[in-house]
């Protein structure tokens, strides 16, 4: 069975989940929402075309950081009724948010600005590449008239060649589209999105800042028809994996929770997440490899920081715990009376509170890193 982006004479899928087949086993299609006859309307612009494509593949939330090269594009993305803008505090956070969204929903998207934003988000994109996640990284690029002029623009590293960001992304994405003219935009955008789904990898799309609001006849056409092989869940394998994970976590004496920076965005969006911050006062994992004064950090009042971020807007509850009994009580509160809040639980542990396995691992890494050079 194939999933096709493009209109064919088949029924729509019975489920909105990405990769889910229709109940009758027929071919699943993502239909175009615009008429085939071009109309010079706000809905036939490059920006709205990109927004519709994101919605059609199952993206309903896009994680963004504004910059002067992507502002007009953001206007057109948020004008799409099916797409919600989630403004993040910085580009790296936006990238990791899109990463998590892709893990949950099948595909994610983030929007940043040229170079200063692109180079900030790239570490998250590289992580998504290594984890085989479909992620659409969209960058608001320079004005199309600036290409080839040898001008030096702000937000760059001072080179008249605008390809430095593109070269960086070529190693951590499976497809790159630099859209600086309208004639190729439809095909390049559709190809990038389809390739991301097909390869299950991130892609890079740069949109010149002066193009999002311009209509073009190609934006009223059906999507470029790429045949995709859906990644269907193996139910037996999933159940086995869940059982094995639960068993592993239940056996853990000292489980580690990693938890989030963009707390203010979570509060603004009404998230009811429980965040555990494990505070051991330093970089314990580095201590076990090679200790030194650089592994000790200035301790913050983390619950106080979250309270400041909260600032009375939204629902938030914070607490510090220093023993097992206090932790149990905090969890009961977070899942009971405060279940409608974002709950932040700071768990204070001793700096040497670590597992036997980490001690052994640190020793092995130290030995490997300390090997003398081979004779020349």
Protein backbone atom coordinates (compact mmCIF):
# COMPACT_ATOMS: atom_id res chain seq x y z
CA UNK A 1 0.00 0.00 0.00
CA UNK A 2 1.23 3.50 -0.82
CA UNK A 3 0.43 6.88 0.63
CA UNK A 4 0.39 9.59 -2.02
CA UNK A 5 0.66 13.34 -1.70
CA UNK A 6 -1.62 14.45 -4.50
CA UNK A 7 -5.19 14.01 -5.63
CA UNK A 8 -6.17 10.58 -6.91
CA UNK A 9 -9.56 8.91 -7.17
CA UNK A 10 -9.57 7.31 -3.74
CA UNK A 11 -11.23 7.94 -0.43
CA UNK A 12 -9.76 10.00 2.38
CA UNK A 13 -8.21 8.10 5.31
CA UNK A 14 -10.45 7.30 8.25
CA UNK A 15 -7.75 8.34 10.72
CA UNK A 16 -5.88 11.64 10.90
CA UNK A 17 -2.74 10.04 12.34
CA UNK A 18 0.20 10.20 9.99
CA UNK A 19 1.05 6.87 8.43
CA UNK A 20 -2.26 5.30 9.44
CA UNK A 21 -4.01 3.40 6.63
CA UNK A 22 -7.70 3.90 5.82
CA UNK A 23 -10.01 1.41 7.46
CA UNK A 24 -10.85 -0.19 4.10
CA UNK A 25 -7.19 -0.69 3.12
CA UNK A 26 -7.40 1.70 0.15
CA UNK A 27 -4.75 4.19 -0.88
CA UNK A 28 -4.52 7.15 1.50
CA UNK A 29 -4.35 10.61 -0.05
CA UNK A 30 -3.61 14.10 1.14
CA UNK A 31 -5.96 16.24 -0.89
CA UNK A 32 -5.31 19.80 -2.01
CA UNK A 33 -7.56 22.38 -0.39
CA UNK A 34 -7.44 24.91 -3.24
CA UNK A 35 -9.10 24.88 -6.67
CA UNK A 36 -7.08 23.88 -9.73
CA UNK A 37 -7.86 27.17 -11.45
CA UNK A 38 -5.51 29.93 -10.35
CA UNK A 39 -7.11 32.80 -8.49
CA UNK A 40 -5.06 35.87 -7.57
CA UNK A 41 -5.99 35.66 -3.91
CA UNK A 42 -4.23 35.75 -0.54
CA UNK A 43 -4.61 31.97 -0.35
CA UNK A 44 -2.51 31.42 -3.49
CA UNK A 45 0.70 32.88 -2.08
CA UNK A 46 3.95 31.06 -1.41
CA UNK A 47 3.50 31.44 2.35
CA UNK A 48 0.00 29.97 2.36
CA UNK A 49 1.13 27.20 0.01
CA UNK A 50 3.81 26.17 2.50
CA UNK A 51 1.33 26.42 5.40
CA UNK A 52 -1.19 24.19 3.61
CA UNK A 53 1.45 21.58 2.88
CA UNK A 54 2.40 21.43 6.56
CA UNK A 55 -1.23 20.97 7.58
CA UNK A 56 -1.76 18.32 4.90
CA UNK A 57 1.04 16.13 6.30
CA UNK A 58 -0.31 16.39 9.85
CA UNK A 59 1.53 19.39 11.32
CA UNK A 60 -0.85 21.51 13.39
CA UNK A 61 1.74 23.32 15.54
CA UNK A 62 4.87 25.03 14.18
CA UNK A 63 7.65 26.15 16.54
CA UNK A 64 9.07 29.55 15.67
CA UNK A 65 11.50 32.31 16.61
CA UNK A 66 10.95 35.61 14.76
CA UNK A 67 13.70 37.42 12.88
CA UNK A 68 13.59 40.14 10.24
CA UNK A 69 14.03 37.66 7.38
CA UNK A 70 11.05 35.46 8.37
CA UNK A 71 8.44 37.93 9.68
CA UNK A 72 6.34 38.07 6.51
CA UNK A 73 6.51 34.30 6.21
CA UNK A 74 5.26 33.96 9.78
CA UNK A 75 2.31 36.23 8.91
CA UNK A 76 1.23 33.81 6.20
CA UNK A 77 1.81 30.70 8.28
CA UNK A 78 -0.34 31.93 11.17
CA UNK A 79 -3.05 32.95 8.69
CA UNK A 80 -3.59 29.25 7.97
CA UNK A 81 -6.55 28.16 10.17
CA UNK A 82 -5.16 24.67 10.71
CA UNK A 83 -1.73 25.82 11.86
CA UNK A 84 -0.90 27.14 15.33
CA UNK A 85 2.20 29.27 15.96
CA UNK A 86 4.19 28.29 19.07
CA UNK A 87 6.65 31.12 19.74
CA UNK A 88 9.77 29.79 21.48
CA UNK A 89 12.43 31.58 23.54
CA UNK A 90 15.34 30.68 21.23
CA UNK A 91 16.06 28.71 18.09
CA UNK A 92 17.58 25.67 19.76
CA UNK A 93 14.47 25.29 21.90
CA UNK A 94 12.30 25.56 18.78
CA UNK A 95 14.32 22.82 17.12
CA UNK A 96 14.08 20.48 20.09
CA UNK A 97 10.36 21.21 20.42
CA UNK A 98 9.89 20.21 16.77
CA UNK A 99 12.01 17.12 17.47
CA UNK A 100 9.68 16.08 20.30
CA UNK A 101 6.62 16.88 18.19
CA UNK A 102 7.95 14.66 15.39
CA UNK A 103 8.42 11.79 17.83
CA UNK A 104 4.82 12.17 19.00
CA UNK A 105 3.03 13.08 15.78
CA UNK A 106 5.21 11.63 13.01
CA UNK A 107 6.57 14.90 11.58
CA UNK A 108 7.48 18.31 13.03
CA UNK A 109 8.37 21.79 11.77
CA UNK A 110 10.26 24.84 13.01
CA UNK A 111 10.83 28.30 11.52
CA UNK A 112 13.86 30.51 12.23
CA UNK A 113 15.69 33.37 10.54
CA UNK A 114 18.74 33.31 8.27
CA UNK A 115 22.17 32.26 9.63
CA UNK A 116 21.93 33.74 13.14
CA UNK A 117 18.85 31.58 13.63
CA UNK A 118 19.81 28.73 11.33
CA UNK A 119 23.17 28.15 12.98
CA UNK A 120 21.48 28.27 16.39
CA UNK A 121 18.94 25.57 15.52
CA UNK A 122 21.34 23.26 13.72
CA UNK A 123 22.31 21.16 16.74
CA UNK A 124 18.68 20.12 17.20
CA UNK A 125 18.42 19.35 13.48
CA UNK A 126 21.56 17.21 13.68
CA UNK A 127 20.00 15.31 16.58
CA UNK A 128 16.83 14.70 14.59
CA UNK A 129 18.96 13.48 11.68
CA UNK A 130 20.74 10.95 13.89
CA UNK A 131 17.39 9.81 15.33
CA UNK A 132 15.73 9.44 11.90
CA UNK A 133 13.01 11.99 12.52
CA UNK A 134 11.10 13.78 9.74
CA UNK A 135 11.51 17.46 10.59
CA UNK A 136 10.88 20.43 8.29
CA UNK A 137 13.38 23.20 9.14
CA UNK A 138 12.24 26.43 7.48
CA UNK A 139 14.50 29.47 7.34
CA UNK A 140 13.52 32.98 6.28
CA UNK A 141 16.30 33.86 3.82
CA UNK A 142 17.71 37.02 2.20
CA UNK A 143 15.77 39.06 -0.34
CA UNK A 144 15.86 37.29 -3.70
CA UNK A 145 17.43 40.38 -5.27
CA UNK A 146 20.46 40.10 -2.97
CA UNK A 147 21.65 36.77 -4.34
CA UNK A 148 24.69 37.20 -6.58
CA UNK A 149 25.25 40.87 -5.66
CA UNK A 150 28.27 40.21 -3.40
CA UNK A 151 26.61 42.28 -0.70
CA UNK A 152 27.42 41.64 2.95
CA UNK A 153 24.22 41.30 4.96
CA UNK A 154 23.54 41.45 8.67
CA UNK A 155 22.80 38.13 10.42
CA UNK A 156 25.61 36.52 8.41
CA UNK A 157 29.25 35.74 9.19
CA UNK A 158 30.47 38.58 7.00
CA UNK A 159 30.80 36.79 3.66
CA UNK A 160 29.12 38.00 0.43
CA UNK A 161 28.39 34.36 -0.42
CA UNK A 162 25.09 33.39 1.22
CA UNK A 163 25.73 29.64 1.07
CA UNK A 164 27.51 29.24 4.40
CA UNK A 165 24.31 28.21 6.20
CA UNK A 166 23.32 25.88 3.37
CA UNK A 167 26.70 24.13 3.50
CA UNK A 168 26.26 23.52 7.23
CA UNK A 169 22.81 22.01 6.75
CA UNK A 170 23.88 19.76 3.89
CA UNK A 171 25.53 17.37 6.34
CA UNK A 172 22.53 17.05 8.69
CA UNK A 173 19.54 17.08 6.31
CA UNK A 174 18.52 14.74 3.50
CA UNK A 175 17.32 17.51 1.15
CA UNK A 176 17.92 21.24 0.87
CA UNK A 177 15.72 23.73 -0.99
CA UNK A 178 16.78 27.36 -1.43
CA UNK A 179 13.66 29.09 -2.74
CA UNK A 180 14.58 32.45 -4.25
CA UNK A 181 12.18 32.46 -7.22
CA UNK A 182 8.48 31.71 -7.56
CA UNK A 183 8.63 29.46 -10.61
CA UNK A 184 10.42 26.64 -8.79
CA UNK A 185 8.94 27.19 -5.34
CA UNK A 186 5.99 24.79 -5.62
CA UNK A 187 8.10 21.85 -6.78
CA UNK A 188 11.01 22.53 -4.41
CA UNK A 189 8.81 22.83 -1.31
CA UNK A 190 6.75 19.74 -2.15
CA UNK A 191 9.87 17.74 -2.97
CA UNK A 192 11.53 18.73 0.31
CA UNK A 193 8.49 17.77 2.40
CA UNK A 194 7.96 14.49 0.57
CA UNK A 195 11.65 13.61 0.88
CA UNK A 196 11.56 14.24 4.61
CA UNK A 197 8.63 11.84 4.99
CA UNK A 198 10.12 9.25 2.66
CA UNK A 199 13.62 9.31 4.15
CA UNK A 200 12.44 9.95 7.74
CA UNK A 201 15.08 12.67 8.07
CA UNK A 202 15.11 16.47 8.47
CA UNK A 203 15.08 18.77 5.44
CA UNK A 204 16.12 22.41 5.02
CA UNK A 205 13.89 24.95 3.23
CA UNK A 206 15.08 28.56 2.84
CA UNK A 207 12.44 31.07 1.67
CA UNK A 208 13.55 34.51 0.46
CA UNK A 209 11.99 37.15 2.69
CA UNK A 210 10.31 39.04 -0.17
CA UNK A 211 8.45 36.03 -1.62
CA UNK A 212 5.92 34.69 0.96
CA UNK A 213 3.17 37.20 0.13
CA UNK A 214 3.33 36.88 -3.67
CA UNK A 215 0.73 34.75 -5.51
CA UNK A 216 1.75 32.43 -8.35
CA UNK A 217 -0.27 30.08 -10.57
CA UNK A 218 1.63 27.00 -9.43
CA UNK A 219 0.41 27.45 -5.85
CA UNK A 220 -3.12 26.55 -6.92
CA UNK A 221 -2.04 23.21 -8.36
CA UNK A 222 -2.34 19.86 -6.66
CA UNK A 223 0.66 18.74 -4.59
CA UNK A 224 3.52 17.18 -6.47
CA UNK A 225 2.54 13.45 -6.43
CA UNK A 226 5.22 11.51 -4.61
CA UNK A 227 4.46 7.94 -3.69
CA UNK A 228 5.45 7.26 -0.09
CA UNK A 229 5.72 4.00 1.79
CA UNK A 230 4.02 4.57 5.15
CA UNK A 231 5.82 3.43 8.27
CA UNK A 232 3.18 1.37 9.99
CA UNK A 233 3.46 0.35 13.60
CA UNK A 234 4.17 -3.28 14.37
CA UNK A 235 1.65 -3.74 17.18
CA UNK A 236 3.32 -6.83 18.65
CA UNK A 237 6.72 -5.17 18.56
CA UNK A 238 5.32 -2.01 20.15
CA UNK A 239 3.71 -3.98 22.99
CA UNK A 240 6.94 -5.88 23.60
CA UNK A 241 8.93 -2.63 23.63
CA UNK A 242 6.55 -1.00 26.11
CA UNK A 243 6.64 -4.03 28.40
CA UNK A 244 10.44 -4.13 28.28
CA UNK A 245 10.65 -0.39 29.00
CA UNK A 246 8.29 -0.60 31.96
CA UNK A 247 10.22 -3.54 33.36
CA UNK A 248 13.50 -1.66 32.95
CA UNK A 249 12.19 1.49 34.64
CA UNK A 250 10.63 -0.46 37.49
CA UNK A 251 13.99 -2.08 38.20
CA UNK A 252 15.86 1.23 38.14
CA UNK A 253 17.13 2.34 41.51
CA UNK A 254 18.07 5.82 40.37
CA UNK A 255 16.23 6.73 37.16
CA UNK A 256 17.25 9.94 35.44
CA UNK A 257 14.73 12.46 34.06
CA UNK A 258 15.91 15.04 31.58
CA UNK A 259 12.81 17.55 31.46
CA UNK A 260 12.85 21.46 29.54
CA UNK A 261 14.03 25.10 29.10
CA UNK A 262 11.05 26.74 27.44
CA UNK A 263 8.92 26.73 30.59
CA UNK A 264 7.46 30.12 29.76
CA UNK A 265 6.16 28.78 26.44
CA UNK A 266 4.66 25.78 28.23
CA UNK A 267 2.85 28.09 30.65
CA UNK A 268 1.59 30.32 27.86
CA UNK A 269 0.23 27.29 26.00
CA UNK A 270 -1.45 25.87 29.12
CA UNK A 271 0.69 22.74 29.39
CA UNK A 272 0.05 20.57 32.47
CA UNK A 273 3.47 18.94 32.43
CA UNK A 274 5.34 17.60 35.46
CA UNK A 275 9.01 18.62 35.23
CA UNK A 276 11.63 16.97 37.44
CA UNK A 277 14.94 18.77 37.79
CA UNK A 278 17.64 16.57 39.36
CA UNK A 279 20.01 19.00 41.10
CA UNK A 280 23.35 17.50 42.11
CA UNK A 281 25.24 20.78 42.05
CA UNK A 282 27.55 20.08 39.15
CA UNK A 283 28.59 17.94 36.20
CA UNK A 284 28.75 14.57 37.96
CA UNK A 285 29.17 12.63 34.73
CA UNK A 286 32.29 14.68 33.96
CA UNK A 287 33.56 14.28 37.54
CA UNK A 288 33.63 10.52 37.08
CA UNK A 289 35.74 10.93 33.92
CA UNK A 290 38.15 13.61 35.10
CA UNK A 291 37.51 15.82 38.10
CA UNK A 292 38.45 19.45 38.49
CA UNK A 293 37.10 22.81 39.67
CA UNK A 294 35.46 23.37 36.29
CA UNK A 295 32.93 20.65 37.11
CA UNK A 296 31.39 22.71 39.92
CA UNK A 297 28.66 25.12 38.82
CA UNK A 298 27.01 28.07 40.53
CA UNK A 299 23.78 26.72 41.93
CA UNK A 300 20.64 28.65 41.02
CA UNK A 301 17.37 28.90 42.86
CA UNK A 302 15.68 26.88 40.13
CA UNK A 303 12.21 26.90 41.66
CA UNK A 304 12.58 30.65 42.16
CA UNK A 305 13.52 30.97 38.49
CA UNK A 306 10.40 29.11 37.42
CA UNK A 307 8.30 31.28 39.75
CA UNK A 308 9.80 34.36 38.07
CA UNK A 309 9.03 32.92 34.63
CA UNK A 310 5.49 32.17 35.80
CA UNK A 311 4.96 35.75 37.01
CA UNK A 312 1.36 35.04 37.98
CA UNK A 313 0.31 34.25 34.41
CA UNK A 314 -1.05 30.77 33.96
CA UNK A 315 -1.12 27.91 36.44
CA UNK A 316 2.17 26.83 37.99
CA UNK A 317 3.31 25.02 41.15
CA UNK A 318 6.92 24.57 42.28
CA UNK A 319 8.56 22.70 45.13
CA UNK A 320 12.01 21.60 46.34
CA UNK A 321 12.37 18.10 47.81
CA UNK A 322 15.35 16.71 49.73
CA UNK A 323 14.28 13.20 50.72
CA UNK A 324 12.20 10.29 49.44
CA UNK A 325 9.19 11.11 51.61
CA UNK A 326 9.06 14.69 50.30
CA UNK A 327 9.33 13.43 46.72
CA UNK A 328 6.44 11.01 47.19
CA UNK A 329 4.35 13.80 48.69
CA UNK A 330 5.25 16.15 45.80
CA UNK A 331 4.27 13.58 43.18
CA UNK A 332 0.96 12.96 44.94
CA UNK A 333 0.29 16.71 44.96
CA UNK A 334 1.27 17.12 41.30
CA UNK A 335 -1.02 14.28 40.23
CA UNK A 336 -3.81 15.31 42.60
CA UNK A 337 -4.65 18.84 43.81
CA UNK A 338 -2.25 20.48 41.31
CA UNK A 339 -2.96 18.27 38.31
CA UNK A 340 -4.30 21.27 36.36
CA UNK A 341 -0.98 23.13 36.77
CA UNK A 342 2.47 22.94 35.25
CA UNK A 343 4.37 21.34 38.15
CA UNK A 344 8.11 21.86 38.65
CA UNK A 345 9.76 19.54 41.19
CA UNK A 346 13.40 20.20 42.05
CA UNK A 347 15.00 17.10 43.54
CA UNK A 348 18.13 17.87 45.59
CA UNK A 349 20.63 14.98 45.54
CA UNK A 350 24.20 14.65 46.79
CA UNK A 351 26.92 15.44 44.24
CA UNK A 352 28.33 11.92 44.62
CA UNK A 353 24.96 10.20 44.33
CA UNK A 354 25.59 8.09 41.26
CA UNK A 355 25.32 4.53 40.04
CA UNK A 356 27.96 1.83 39.96
CA UNK A 357 27.55 1.66 36.19
CA UNK A 358 28.35 5.38 35.79
CA UNK A 359 31.47 4.99 37.92
CA UNK A 360 32.65 2.12 35.73
CA UNK A 361 31.78 3.99 32.54
CA UNK A 362 33.65 7.11 33.68
CA UNK A 363 36.74 5.04 34.42
CA UNK A 364 36.64 3.43 30.97
CA UNK A 365 36.18 6.79 29.20
CA UNK A 366 39.05 8.30 31.18
CA UNK A 367 41.31 5.42 30.17
CA UNK A 368 40.26 5.68 26.51
CA UNK A 369 40.75 9.46 26.40
CA UNK A 370 44.14 9.19 28.11
CA UNK A 371 45.74 6.78 25.65
CA UNK A 372 49.15 8.08 24.49
CA UNK A 373 49.66 8.80 20.79
CA UNK A 374 50.83 5.95 18.59
CA UNK A 375 54.55 5.96 17.71
CA UNK A 376 55.22 7.84 14.50
